[in-house]
Amino acid sequence: MTLLHRLDRLVGRLGQPLLVGFSRKRSIGELLGGRPADGRLHGSVAVAVLAAERGARIVRTHDVGPTRDALAVTRAMMEAG
């Protein structure tokens, strides 16, 4: 969680594209009350959006369609100002 929270700082220091792979991780399940992997879609999408907002250029996910849609909306909103 700390790395995700400070991802923008890490991106700035590395100067390279950063990949985030947080999809369905146990920590998401724990945040959702111990939910199993197949119940972590919304949490995984939220993490992907936060990672993109903080500068991740690549997001690894199990749920490509929902994540792609969420990132497309996020990108459009960010570009709109």
Protein backbone atom coordinates (compact mmCIF):
# COMPACT_ATOMS: atom_id res chain seq x y z
CA MET A 1 0.00 0.00 0.00
CA THR A 2 2.86 2.35 0.79
CA LEU A 3 4.42 1.76 -2.63
CA LEU A 4 1.13 2.44 -4.37
CA HIS A 5 0.54 5.54 -2.27
CA ARG A 6 3.97 6.91 -3.21
CA LEU A 7 4.10 5.57 -6.75
CA ASP A 8 4.34 9.04 -8.28
CA ARG A 9 7.58 9.63 -6.38
CA LEU A 10 9.01 6.32 -7.55
CA VAL A 11 8.06 7.04 -11.16
CA GLY A 12 9.75 10.44 -10.95
CA ARG A 13 12.97 8.98 -9.60
CA LEU A 14 13.23 6.03 -11.98
CA GLY A 15 12.66 7.95 -15.17
CA GLN A 16 11.50 4.71 -16.83
CA PRO A 17 8.05 3.29 -17.59
CA LEU A 18 6.73 1.44 -14.55
CA LEU A 19 4.65 -1.74 -14.56
CA VAL A 20 2.21 -2.39 -11.71
CA GLY A 21 0.86 -5.91 -11.17
CA PHE A 22 -1.57 -5.82 -8.26
CA SER A 23 -4.51 -7.69 -9.80
CA ARG A 24 -6.34 -10.01 -7.37
CA LYS A 25 -3.53 -9.85 -4.80
CA ARG A 26 -4.16 -11.08 -1.27
CA SER A 27 -3.76 -7.59 0.14
CA ILE A 28 -6.77 -6.48 -1.91
CA GLY A 29 -8.73 -9.40 -0.51
CA GLU A 30 -7.73 -8.44 3.02
CA LEU A 31 -8.88 -4.86 2.44
CA LEU A 32 -12.20 -6.32 1.28
CA GLY A 33 -12.74 -8.38 4.41
CA GLY A 34 -10.94 -11.55 3.38
CA ARG A 35 -12.56 -11.93 -0.01
CA PRO A 36 -11.24 -14.76 -2.24
CA ALA A 37 -9.42 -14.01 -5.51
CA ASP A 38 -12.53 -14.36 -7.68
CA GLY A 39 -14.24 -11.60 -5.65
CA ARG A 40 -11.54 -8.96 -5.99
CA LEU A 41 -12.44 -7.47 -9.39
CA HIS A 42 -13.57 -4.06 -8.14
CA GLY A 43 -10.61 -3.72 -5.80
CA SER A 44 -8.20 -4.71 -8.57
CA VAL A 45 -9.71 -2.17 -10.96
CA ALA A 46 -9.48 0.53 -8.28
CA VAL A 47 -5.80 -0.21 -7.78
CA ALA A 48 -5.18 -0.10 -11.54
CA VAL A 49 -6.83 3.31 -11.75
CA LEU A 50 -4.86 4.65 -8.80
CA ALA A 51 -1.63 3.30 -10.26
CA ALA A 52 -2.34 4.96 -13.61
CA GLU A 53 -3.15 8.26 -11.91
CA ARG A 54 0.15 8.04 -10.09
CA GLY A 55 2.17 7.42 -13.25
CA ALA A 56 2.20 3.67 -13.96
CA ARG A 57 2.50 3.17 -17.71
CA ILE A 58 1.74 -0.56 -17.75
CA VAL A 59 -0.84 -2.39 -15.66
CA ARG A 60 -0.85 -6.18 -15.44
CA THR A 61 -4.33 -7.56 -14.81
CA HIS A 62 -6.37 -10.75 -14.85
CA ASP A 63 -9.52 -8.83 -15.85
CA VAL A 64 -8.57 -7.09 -19.07
CA GLY A 65 -11.97 -5.80 -20.21
CA PRO A 66 -13.11 -4.07 -17.01
CA THR A 67 -9.62 -2.72 -16.32
CA ARG A 68 -9.24 -1.40 -19.88
CA ASP A 69 -12.61 0.36 -19.65
CA ALA A 70 -11.81 1.93 -16.27
CA LEU A 71 -8.42 3.10 -17.52
CA ALA A 72 -9.96 4.56 -20.71
CA VAL A 73 -12.41 6.60 -18.63
CA THR A 74 -9.61 7.64 -16.25
CA ARG A 75 -7.37 8.71 -19.14
CA ALA A 76 -10.19 10.72 -20.74
CA MET A 77 -10.92 12.47 -17.45
CA MET A 78 -7.23 13.24 -16.88
CA GLU A 79 -6.84 14.64 -20.39
CA ALA A 80 -9.94 16.79 -19.98
CA GLY A 81 -8.17 18.66 -17.25
